[in-house]
Amino acid sequence: SVDGETAKVEHQDGGESKVETVKAGQTLHGSQLKVEKVEALLTQDK
């Protein structure tokens, strides 16, 4: 999910599913991946 400038990102940690809240500039838990941008987008299907 995305709420304003923050996002909830799910990942596996020791076989268990964990959710962390992140915003631009932070690094995802257990990785070197840096959050560059959080964007709420609503669109339509066909």
All heavy atoms as atom14 arrays in JSON, in Angstrom:
{
  "sequence": "SVDGETAKVEHQDGGESKVETVKAGQTLHGSQLKVEKVEALLTQDK",
  "atom14_mask": [
    [1, 1, 1, 1, 1, 1, 0, 0, 0, 0, 0, 0, 0, 0],
    [1, 1, 1, 1, 1, 1, 1, 0, 0, 0, 0, 0, 0, 0],
    [1, 1, 1, 1, 1, 1, 1, 1, 0, 0, 0, 0, 0, 0],
    [1, 1, 1, 1, 0, 0, 0, 0, 0, 0, 0, 0, 0, 0],
    [1, 1, 1, 1, 1, 1, 1, 1, 1, 0, 0, 0, 0, 0],
    [1, 1, 1, 1, 1, 1, 1, 0, 0, 0, 0, 0, 0, 0],
    [1, 1, 1, 1, 1, 0, 0, 0, 0, 0, 0, 0, 0, 0],
    [1, 1, 1, 1, 1, 1, 1, 1, 1, 0, 0, 0, 0, 0],
    [1, 1, 1, 1, 1, 1, 1, 0, 0, 0, 0, 0, 0, 0],
    [1, 1, 1, 1, 1, 1, 1, 1, 1, 0, 0, 0, 0, 0],
    [1, 1, 1, 1, 1, 1, 1, 1, 1, 1, 0, 0, 0, 0],
    [1, 1, 1, 1, 1, 1, 1, 1, 1, 0, 0, 0, 0, 0],
    [1, 1, 1, 1, 1, 1, 1, 1, 0, 0, 0, 0, 0, 0],
    [1, 1, 1, 1, 0, 0, 0, 0, 0, 0, 0, 0, 0, 0],
    [1, 1, 1, 1, 0, 0, 0, 0, 0, 0, 0, 0, 0, 0],
    [1, 1, 1, 1, 1, 1, 1, 1, 1, 0, 0, 0, 0, 0],
    [1, 1, 1, 1, 1, 1, 0, 0, 0, 0, 0, 0, 0, 0],
    [1, 1, 1, 1, 1, 1, 1, 1, 1, 0, 0, 0, 0, 0],
    [1, 1, 1, 1, 1, 1, 1, 0, 0, 0, 0, 0, 0, 0],
    [1, 1, 1, 1, 1, 1, 1, 1, 1, 0, 0, 0, 0, 0],
    [1, 1, 1, 1, 1, 1, 1, 0, 0, 0, 0, 0, 0, 0],
    [1, 1, 1, 1, 1, 1, 1, 0, 0, 0, 0, 0, 0, 0],
    [1, 1, 1, 1, 1, 1, 1, 1, 1, 0, 0, 0, 0, 0],
    [1, 1, 1, 1, 1, 0, 0, 0, 0, 0, 0, 0, 0, 0],
    [1, 1, 1, 1, 0, 0, 0, 0, 0, 0, 0, 0, 0, 0],
    [1, 1, 1, 1, 1, 1, 1, 1, 1, 0, 0, 0, 0, 0],
    [1, 1, 1, 1, 1, 1, 1, 0, 0, 0, 0, 0, 0, 0],
    [1, 1, 1, 1, 1, 1, 1, 1, 0, 0, 0, 0, 0, 0],
    [1, 1, 1, 1, 1, 1, 1, 1, 1, 1, 0, 0, 0, 0],
    [1, 1, 1, 1, 0, 0, 0, 0, 0, 0, 0, 0, 0, 0],
    [1, 1, 1, 1, 1, 1, 0, 0, 0, 0, 0, 0, 0, 0],
    [1, 1, 1, 1, 1, 1, 1, 1, 1, 0, 0, 0, 0, 0],
    [1, 1, 1, 1, 1, 1, 1, 1, 0, 0, 0, 0, 0, 0],
    [1, 1, 1, 1, 1, 1, 1, 1, 1, 0, 0, 0, 0, 0],
    [1, 1, 1, 1, 1, 1, 1, 0, 0, 0, 0, 0, 0, 0],
    [1, 1, 1, 1, 1, 1, 1, 1, 1, 0, 0, 0, 0, 0],
    [1, 1, 1, 1, 1, 1, 1, 1, 1, 0, 0, 0, 0, 0],
    [1, 1, 1, 1, 1, 1, 1, 0, 0, 0, 0, 0, 0, 0],
    [1, 1, 1, 1, 1, 1, 1, 1, 1, 0, 0, 0, 0, 0],
    [1, 1, 1, 1, 1, 0, 0, 0, 0, 0, 0, 0, 0, 0],
    [1, 1, 1, 1, 1, 1, 1, 1, 0, 0, 0, 0, 0, 0],
    [1, 1, 1, 1, 1, 1, 1, 1, 0, 0, 0, 0, 0, 0],
    [1, 1, 1, 1, 1, 1, 1, 0, 0, 0, 0, 0, 0, 0],
    [1, 1, 1, 1, 1, 1, 1, 1, 1, 0, 0, 0, 0, 0],
    [1, 1, 1, 1, 1, 1, 1, 1, 0, 0, 0, 0, 0, 0],
    [1, 1, 1, 1, 1, 1, 1, 1, 1, 0, 0, 0, 0, 0]
  ],
  "atom14_positions": [
    [[0.84, -1.21, 0.0], [0.0, 0.0, 0.0], [0.87, 1.25, 0.0], [2.04, 1.21, 0.36], [-0.93, 0.02, 1.21], [-0.19, 0.16, 2.41], [0.0, 0.0, 0.0], [0.0, 0.0, 0.0], [0.0, 0.0, 0.0], [0.0, 0.0, 0.0], [0.0, 0.0, 0.0], [0.0, 0.0, 0.0], [0.0, 0.0, 0.0], [0.0, 0.0, 0.0]],
    [[0.24, 2.35, -0.42], [0.87, 3.67, -0.38], [-0.09, 4.61, 0.32], [-1.29, 4.62, 0.02], [1.2, 4.19, -1.8], [1.6, 5.66, -1.77], [2.3, 3.36, -2.45], [0.0, 0.0, 0.0], [0.0, 0.0, 0.0], [0.0, 0.0, 0.0], [0.0, 0.0, 0.0], [0.0, 0.0, 0.0], [0.0, 0.0, 0.0], [0.0, 0.0, 0.0]],
    [[0.43, 5.38, 1.27], [-0.38, 6.37, 1.98], [0.45, 7.64, 2.06], [1.39, 7.72, 2.86], [-0.73, 5.85, 3.38], [-1.64, 6.81, 4.14], [-2.26, 7.69, 3.5], [-1.73, 6.68, 5.38], [0.0, 0.0, 0.0], [0.0, 0.0, 0.0], [0.0, 0.0, 0.0], [0.0, 0.0, 0.0], [0.0, 0.0, 0.0], [0.0, 0.0, 0.0]],
    [[0.13, 8.59, 1.18], [0.9, 9.83, 1.12], [2.32, 9.57, 0.66], [2.54, 9.03, -0.41], [0.0, 0.0, 0.0], [0.0, 0.0, 0.0], [0.0, 0.0, 0.0], [0.0, 0.0, 0.0], [0.0, 0.0, 0.0], [0.0, 0.0, 0.0], [0.0, 0.0, 0.0], [0.0, 0.0, 0.0], [0.0, 0.0, 0.0], [0.0, 0.0, 0.0]],
    [[3.29, 9.9, 1.53], [4.7, 9.73, 1.18], [5.3, 8.44, 1.73], [6.51, 8.22, 1.61], [5.5, 10.94, 1.69], [5.1, 12.24, 1.01], [5.9, 13.42, 1.51], [6.84, 13.25, 2.31], [5.57, 14.55, 1.1], [0.0, 0.0, 0.0], [0.0, 0.0, 0.0], [0.0, 0.0, 0.0], [0.0, 0.0, 0.0], [0.0, 0.0, 0.0]],
    [[4.47, 7.59, 2.34], [4.97, 6.34, 2.9], [4.35, 5.15, 2.18], [3.27, 5.24, 1.61], [4.68, 6.22, 4.41], [3.27, 6.19, 4.6], [5.32, 7.34, 5.19], [0.0, 0.0, 0.0], [0.0, 0.0, 0.0], [0.0, 0.0, 0.0], [0.0, 0.0, 0.0], [0.0, 0.0, 0.0], [0.0, 0.0, 0.0], [0.0, 0.0, 0.0]],
    [[5.08, 4.04, 2.22], [4.61, 2.81, 1.59], [4.84, 1.64, 2.53], [5.78, 1.64, 3.32], [5.37, 2.57, 0.29], [0.0, 0.0, 0.0], [0.0, 0.0, 0.0], [0.0, 0.0, 0.0], [0.0, 0.0, 0.0], [0.0, 0.0, 0.0], [0.0, 0.0, 0.0], [0.0, 0.0, 0.0], [0.0, 0.0, 0.0], [0.0, 0.0, 0.0]],
    [[3.96, 0.65, 2.43], [4.14, -0.6, 3.18], [4.62, -1.64, 2.18], [3.97, -1.89, 1.16], [2.83, -1.04, 3.83], [2.4, -0.1, 4.96], [1.31, -0.71, 5.79], [0.81, 0.23, 6.86], [1.76, 0.65, 7.82], [0.0, 0.0, 0.0], [0.0, 0.0, 0.0], [0.0, 0.0, 0.0], [0.0, 0.0, 0.0], [0.0, 0.0, 0.0]],
    [[5.79, -2.22, 2.49], [6.44, -3.2, 1.61], [6.6, -4.5, 2.37], [7.12, -4.52, 3.5], [7.81, -2.67, 1.12], [8.52, -3.71, 0.26], [7.64, -1.36, 0.33], [0.0, 0.0, 0.0], [0.0, 0.0, 0.0], [0.0, 0.0, 0.0], [0.0, 0.0, 0.0], [0.0, 0.0, 0.0], [0.0, 0.0, 0.0], [0.0, 0.0, 0.0]],
    [[6.17, -5.6, 1.73], [6.25, -6.93, 2.34], [7.49, -7.65, 1.84], [7.86, -7.54, 0.67], [5.0, -7.72, 1.97], [4.94, -9.1, 2.58], [3.68, -9.83, 2.15], [3.57, -10.15, 0.94], [2.82, -10.05, 3.01], [0.0, 0.0, 0.0], [0.0, 0.0, 0.0], [0.0, 0.0, 0.0], [0.0, 0.0, 0.0], [0.0, 0.0, 0.0]],
    [[8.13, -8.41, 2.74], [9.28, -9.24, 2.37], [9.31, -10.46, 3.28], [8.64, -10.51, 4.31], [10.59, -8.44, 2.47], [10.88, -7.94, 3.86], [11.64, -8.63, 4.76], [10.5, -6.81, 4.49], [11.72, -7.96, 5.89], [11.03, -6.84, 5.76], [0.0, 0.0, 0.0], [0.0, 0.0, 0.0], [0.0, 0.0, 0.0], [0.0, 0.0, 0.0]],
    [[10.08, -11.45, 2.88], [10.24, -12.66, 3.67], [11.46, -12.5, 4.57], [12.51, -12.06, 4.12], [10.42, -13.89, 2.77], [9.23, -14.19, 1.88], [7.98, -14.51, 2.67], [8.0, -15.29, 3.6], [6.87, -13.88, 2.3], [0.0, 0.0, 0.0], [0.0, 0.0, 0.0], [0.0, 0.0, 0.0], [0.0, 0.0, 0.0], [0.0, 0.0, 0.0]],
    [[11.31, -12.85, 5.83], [12.4, -12.77, 6.79], [12.43, -14.08, 7.56], [11.58, -14.31, 8.42], [12.19, -11.58, 7.72], [13.4, -11.31, 8.62], [14.45, -11.94, 8.4], [13.27, -10.47, 9.52], [0.0, 0.0, 0.0], [0.0, 0.0, 0.0], [0.0, 0.0, 0.0], [0.0, 0.0, 0.0], [0.0, 0.0, 0.0], [0.0, 0.0, 0.0]],
    [[13.38, -14.94, 7.2], [13.46, -16.25, 7.86], [12.23, -17.1, 7.65], [11.8, -17.79, 8.55], [0.0, 0.0, 0.0], [0.0, 0.0, 0.0], [0.0, 0.0, 0.0], [0.0, 0.0, 0.0], [0.0, 0.0, 0.0], [0.0, 0.0, 0.0], [0.0, 0.0, 0.0], [0.0, 0.0, 0.0], [0.0, 0.0, 0.0], [0.0, 0.0, 0.0]],
    [[11.63, -17.01, 6.45], [10.44, -17.78, 6.14], [9.15, -17.14, 6.61], [8.06, -17.63, 6.36], [0.0, 0.0, 0.0], [0.0, 0.0, 0.0], [0.0, 0.0, 0.0], [0.0, 0.0, 0.0], [0.0, 0.0, 0.0], [0.0, 0.0, 0.0], [0.0, 0.0, 0.0], [0.0, 0.0, 0.0], [0.0, 0.0, 0.0], [0.0, 0.0, 0.0]],
    [[9.27, -16.04, 7.35], [8.1, -15.34, 7.87], [7.88, -14.06, 7.07], [8.82, -13.34, 6.73], [8.37, -15.0, 9.34], [7.16, -14.53, 10.1], [7.5, -14.31, 11.57], [8.22, -15.14, 12.15], [7.04, -13.3, 12.12], [0.0, 0.0, 0.0], [0.0, 0.0, 0.0], [0.0, 0.0, 0.0], [0.0, 0.0, 0.0], [0.0, 0.0, 0.0]],
    [[6.62, -13.76, 6.76], [6.28, -12.56, 6.01], [6.26, -11.34, 6.95], [5.61, -11.36, 7.98], [4.9, -12.75, 5.36], [4.61, -11.67, 4.54], [0.0, 0.0, 0.0], [0.0, 0.0, 0.0], [0.0, 0.0, 0.0], [0.0, 0.0, 0.0], [0.0, 0.0, 0.0], [0.0, 0.0, 0.0], [0.0, 0.0, 0.0], [0.0, 0.0, 0.0]],
    [[7.02, -10.31, 6.58], [7.09, -9.09, 7.38], [6.72, -7.9, 6.5], [7.0, -7.89, 5.3], [8.51, -8.87, 7.9], [9.04, -10.01, 8.72], [9.07, -9.67, 10.15], [9.66, -10.85, 10.92], [9.98, -10.58, 12.23], [0.0, 0.0, 0.0], [0.0, 0.0, 0.0], [0.0, 0.0, 0.0], [0.0, 0.0, 0.0], [0.0, 0.0, 0.0]],
    [[6.12, -6.88, 7.1], [5.78, -5.65, 6.38], [6.5, -4.5, 7.06], [6.45, -4.36, 8.28], [4.25, -5.41, 6.38], [3.92, -4.08, 5.72], [3.52, -6.54, 5.67], [0.0, 0.0, 0.0], [0.0, 0.0, 0.0], [0.0, 0.0, 0.0], [0.0, 0.0, 0.0], [0.0, 0.0, 0.0], [0.0, 0.0, 0.0], [0.0, 0.0, 0.0]],
    [[7.18, -3.7, 6.25], [7.85, -2.52, 6.79], [7.3, -1.27, 6.12], [6.88, -1.3, 4.97], [9.37, -2.6, 6.63], [9.87, -2.54, 5.21], [11.38, -2.59, 5.11], [12.07, -1.7, 5.66], [11.87, -3.52, 4.45], [0.0, 0.0, 0.0], [0.0, 0.0, 0.0], [0.0, 0.0, 0.0], [0.0, 0.0, 0.0], [0.0, 0.0, 0.0]],
    [[7.32, -0.17, 6.85], [6.86, 1.11, 6.33], [8.1, 1.92, 5.94], [9.03, 2.05, 6.76], [6.03, 1.87, 7.37], [4.92, 1.05, 7.74], [5.52, 3.18, 6.82], [0.0, 0.0, 0.0], [0.0, 0.0, 0.0], [0.0, 0.0, 0.0], [0.0, 0.0, 0.0], [0.0, 0.0, 0.0], [0.0, 0.0, 0.0], [0.0, 0.0, 0.0]],
    [[8.12, 2.41, 4.7], [9.29, 3.13, 4.19], [8.86, 4.42, 3.48], [7.7, 4.57, 3.11], [10.11, 2.27, 3.2], [10.7, 1.06, 3.91], [9.26, 1.84, 2.02], [0.0, 0.0, 0.0], [0.0, 0.0, 0.0], [0.0, 0.0, 0.0], [0.0, 0.0, 0.0], [0.0, 0.0, 0.0], [0.0, 0.0, 0.0], [0.0, 0.0, 0.0]],
    [[9.84, 5.3, 3.31], [9.62, 6.51, 2.52], [10.9, 6.79, 1.73], [11.93, 6.14, 1.95], [9.21, 7.68, 3.39], [10.21, 8.09, 4.44], [9.63, 9.2, 5.28], [10.61, 9.55, 6.4], [10.08, 10.59, 7.26], [0.0, 0.0, 0.0], [0.0, 0.0, 0.0], [0.0, 0.0, 0.0], [0.0, 0.0, 0.0], [0.0, 0.0, 0.0]],
    [[10.82, 7.74, 0.8], [11.96, 8.07, -0.05], [13.2, 8.34, 0.79], [13.13, 8.99, 1.84], [11.63, 9.27, -0.93], [0.0, 0.0, 0.0], [0.0, 0.0, 0.0], [0.0, 0.0, 0.0], [0.0, 0.0, 0.0], [0.0, 0.0, 0.0], [0.0, 0.0, 0.0], [0.0, 0.0, 0.0], [0.0, 0.0, 0.0], [0.0, 0.0, 0.0]],
    [[14.34, 7.79, 0.35], [15.61, 7.98, 1.04], [15.99, 6.83, 1.94], [17.16, 6.68, 2.29], [0.0, 0.0, 0.0], [0.0, 0.0, 0.0], [0.0, 0.0, 0.0], [0.0, 0.0, 0.0], [0.0, 0.0, 0.0], [0.0, 0.0, 0.0], [0.0, 0.0, 0.0], [0.0, 0.0, 0.0], [0.0, 0.0, 0.0], [0.0, 0.0, 0.0]],
    [[15.02, 5.97, 2.29], [15.32, 4.84, 3.17], [15.75, 3.62, 2.35], [15.47, 3.53, 1.16], [14.1, 4.49, 4.01], [13.75, 5.56, 5.03], [12.57, 5.14, 5.9], [11.56, 4.66, 5.4], [12.71, 5.36, 7.2], [0.0, 0.0, 0.0], [0.0, 0.0, 0.0], [0.0, 0.0, 0.0], [0.0, 0.0, 0.0], [0.0, 0.0, 0.0]],
    [[16.41, 2.69, 3.03], [16.85, 1.44, 2.42], [15.96, 0.32, 2.92], [15.63, 0.28, 4.11], [18.32, 1.15, 2.79], [19.12, 2.25, 2.34], [18.82, -0.12, 2.15], [0.0, 0.0, 0.0], [0.0, 0.0, 0.0], [0.0, 0.0, 0.0], [0.0, 0.0, 0.0], [0.0, 0.0, 0.0], [0.0, 0.0, 0.0], [0.0, 0.0, 0.0]],
    [[15.56, -0.58, 2.0], [14.71, -1.71, 2.4], [15.48, -2.68, 3.29], [16.65, -2.98, 3.03], [14.19, -2.45, 1.16], [13.18, -1.71, 0.3], [12.77, -2.58, -0.88], [11.95, -1.31, 1.1], [0.0, 0.0, 0.0], [0.0, 0.0, 0.0], [0.0, 0.0, 0.0], [0.0, 0.0, 0.0], [0.0, 0.0, 0.0], [0.0, 0.0, 0.0]],
    [[14.83, -3.17, 4.32], [15.41, -4.1, 5.27], [16.05, -5.29, 4.55], [15.45, -5.9, 3.68], [14.31, -4.6, 6.23], [14.79, -5.62, 7.2], [15.52, -5.3, 8.32], [14.67, -6.97, 7.19], [15.82, -6.4, 8.96], [15.31, -7.43, 8.31], [0.0, 0.0, 0.0], [0.0, 0.0, 0.0], [0.0, 0.0, 0.0], [0.0, 0.0, 0.0]],
    [[17.27, -5.61, 4.94], [17.94, -6.79, 4.41], [18.46, -6.65, 3.0], [18.74, -7.64, 2.34], [0.0, 0.0, 0.0], [0.0, 0.0, 0.0], [0.0, 0.0, 0.0], [0.0, 0.0, 0.0], [0.0, 0.0, 0.0], [0.0, 0.0, 0.0], [0.0, 0.0, 0.0], [0.0, 0.0, 0.0], [0.0, 0.0, 0.0], [0.0, 0.0, 0.0]],
    [[18.56, -5.41, 2.5], [19.04, -5.21, 1.13], [19.81, -3.91, 1.03], [19.92, -3.15, 2.0], [17.86, -5.17, 0.15], [17.24, -3.89, 0.17], [0.0, 0.0, 0.0], [0.0, 0.0, 0.0], [0.0, 0.0, 0.0], [0.0, 0.0, 0.0], [0.0, 0.0, 0.0], [0.0, 0.0, 0.0], [0.0, 0.0, 0.0], [0.0, 0.0, 0.0]],
    [[20.33, -3.65, -0.18], [20.96, -2.37, -0.48], [20.01, -1.48, -1.27], [20.36, -0.37, -1.65], [22.22, -2.59, -1.31], [23.32, -3.33, -0.6], [24.53, -3.47, -1.5], [24.68, -2.83, -2.51], [25.43, -4.35, -1.09], [0.0, 0.0, 0.0], [0.0, 0.0, 0.0], [0.0, 0.0, 0.0], [0.0, 0.0, 0.0], [0.0, 0.0, 0.0]],
    [[18.8, -1.98, -1.53], [17.84, -1.24, -2.36], [17.33, -0.01, -1.63], [16.79, -0.1, -0.52], [16.67, -2.14, -2.75], [17.03, -3.37, -3.58], [15.81, -4.26, -3.77], [17.61, -2.96, -4.93], [0.0, 0.0, 0.0], [0.0, 0.0, 0.0], [0.0, 0.0, 0.0], [0.0, 0.0, 0.0], [0.0, 0.0, 0.0], [0.0, 0.0, 0.0]],
    [[17.51, 1.14, -2.27], [17.13, 2.42, -1.68], [15.83, 2.91, -2.32], [15.67, 2.87, -3.53], [18.24, 3.44, -1.92], [18.0, 4.76, -1.24], [19.19, 5.68, -1.44], [18.95, 7.01, -0.77], [20.08, 7.91, -0.97], [0.0, 0.0, 0.0], [0.0, 0.0, 0.0], [0.0, 0.0, 0.0], [0.0, 0.0, 0.0], [0.0, 0.0, 0.0]],
    [[14.9, 3.36, -1.49], [13.64, 3.9, -1.97], [13.91, 5.28, -2.57], [14.35, 6.19, -1.88], [12.59, 4.0, -0.83], [11.3, 4.63, -1.35], [12.32, 2.63, -0.23], [0.0, 0.0, 0.0], [0.0, 0.0, 0.0], [0.0, 0.0, 0.0], [0.0, 0.0, 0.0], [0.0, 0.0, 0.0], [0.0, 0.0, 0.0], [0.0, 0.0, 0.0]],
    [[13.67, 5.38, -3.86], [13.9, 6.64, -4.56], [12.63, 7.5, -4.58], [12.68, 8.71, -4.44], [14.36, 6.35, -5.99], [14.76, 7.56, -6.76], [15.29, 7.18, -8.12], [16.51, 6.92, -8.22], [14.5, 7.14, -9.07], [0.0, 0.0, 0.0], [0.0, 0.0, 0.0], [0.0, 0.0, 0.0], [0.0, 0.0, 0.0], [0.0, 0.0, 0.0]],
    [[11.48, 6.81, -4.76], [10.23, 7.56, -4.91], [9.05, 6.69, -4.47], [9.02, 5.49, -4.75], [10.08, 7.94, -6.38], [8.92, 8.82, -6.73], [9.02, 9.16, -8.22], [7.9, 9.96, -8.74], [7.99, 10.18, -10.18], [0.0, 0.0, 0.0], [0.0, 0.0, 0.0], [0.0, 0.0, 0.0], [0.0, 0.0, 0.0], [0.0, 0.0, 0.0]],
    [[8.08, 7.3, -3.79], [6.82, 6.65, -3.42], [5.72, 7.42, -4.13], [5.64, 8.64, -4.01], [6.6, 6.69, -1.89], [5.22, 6.15, -1.53], [7.69, 5.92, -1.17], [0.0, 0.0, 0.0], [0.0, 0.0, 0.0], [0.0, 0.0, 0.0], [0.0, 0.0, 0.0], [0.0, 0.0, 0.0], [0.0, 0.0, 0.0], [0.0, 0.0, 0.0]],
    [[4.9, 6.71, -4.88], [3.91, 7.39, -5.73], [2.55, 6.69, -5.67], [2.44, 5.51, -6.0], [4.44, 7.38, -7.16], [3.76, 8.28, -8.12], [4.48, 8.29, -9.47], [5.49, 7.59, -9.66], [3.98, 9.02, -10.33], [0.0, 0.0, 0.0], [0.0, 0.0, 0.0], [0.0, 0.0, 0.0], [0.0, 0.0, 0.0], [0.0, 0.0, 0.0]],
    [[1.52, 7.42, -5.25], [0.15, 6.9, -5.27], [-0.41, 7.14, -6.66], [-0.41, 8.27, -7.15], [-0.7, 7.61, -4.23], [0.0, 0.0, 0.0], [0.0, 0.0, 0.0], [0.0, 0.0, 0.0], [0.0, 0.0, 0.0], [0.0, 0.0, 0.0], [0.0, 0.0, 0.0], [0.0, 0.0, 0.0], [0.0, 0.0, 0.0], [0.0, 0.0, 0.0]],
    [[-0.85, 6.08, -7.33], [-1.4, 6.18, -8.69], [-2.72, 5.43, -8.79], [-2.79, 4.25, -8.47], [-0.43, 5.56, -9.71], [0.9, 6.25, -9.94], [1.79, 5.38, -10.8], [0.68, 7.58, -10.62], [0.0, 0.0, 0.0], [0.0, 0.0, 0.0], [0.0, 0.0, 0.0], [0.0, 0.0, 0.0], [0.0, 0.0, 0.0], [0.0, 0.0, 0.0]],
    [[-3.72, 6.12, -9.25], [-5.0, 5.48, -9.53], [-5.22, 5.56, -11.03], [-5.04, 6.61, -11.64], [-6.14, 6.18, -8.78], [-6.07, 6.08, -7.26], [-7.19, 6.89, -6.62], [-6.16, 4.63, -6.81], [0.0, 0.0, 0.0], [0.0, 0.0, 0.0], [0.0, 0.0, 0.0], [0.0, 0.0, 0.0], [0.0, 0.0, 0.0], [0.0, 0.0, 0.0]],
    [[-5.61, 4.44, -11.62], [-5.85, 4.37, -13.06], [-7.07, 3.5, -13.3], [-7.79, 3.18, -12.37], [-4.59, 3.84, -13.8], [-4.78, 3.97, -15.19], [-4.26, 2.42, -13.43], [0.0, 0.0, 0.0], [0.0, 0.0, 0.0], [0.0, 0.0, 0.0], [0.0, 0.0, 0.0], [0.0, 0.0, 0.0], [0.0, 0.0, 0.0], [0.0, 0.0, 0.0]],
    [[-7.31, 3.14, -14.56], [-8.45, 2.3, -14.9], [-7.99, 1.13, -15.75], [-7.05, 1.25, -16.53], [-9.49, 3.1, -15.7], [-10.11, 4.22, -14.92], [-11.11, 5.01, -15.75], [-11.2, 4.86, -16.95], [-11.88, 5.86, -15.09], [0.0, 0.0, 0.0], [0.0, 0.0, 0.0], [0.0, 0.0, 0.0], [0.0, 0.0, 0.0], [0.0, 0.0, 0.0]],
    [[-8.7, 0.01, -15.61], [-8.42, -1.13, -16.48], [-9.13, -0.91, -17.82], [-9.78, 0.12, -18.03], [-8.8, -2.46, -15.82], [-10.29, -2.64, -15.62], [-11.1, -1.86, -16.19], [-10.67, -3.59, -14.91], [0.0, 0.0, 0.0], [0.0, 0.0, 0.0], [0.0, 0.0, 0.0], [0.0, 0.0, 0.0], [0.0, 0.0, 0.0], [0.0, 0.0, 0.0]],
    [[-9.03, -1.88, -18.73], [-9.6, -1.73, -20.07], [-11.12, -1.56, -20.07], [-11.69, -1.05, -21.02], [-9.2, -2.91, -20.95], [-9.71, -4.24, -20.45], [-9.25, -5.36, -21.33], [-9.65, -6.65, -20.7], [-10.31, -7.58, -21.42], [0.0, 0.0, 0.0], [0.0, 0.0, 0.0], [0.0, 0.0, 0.0], [0.0, 0.0, 0.0], [0.0, 0.0, 0.0]]
  ]
}
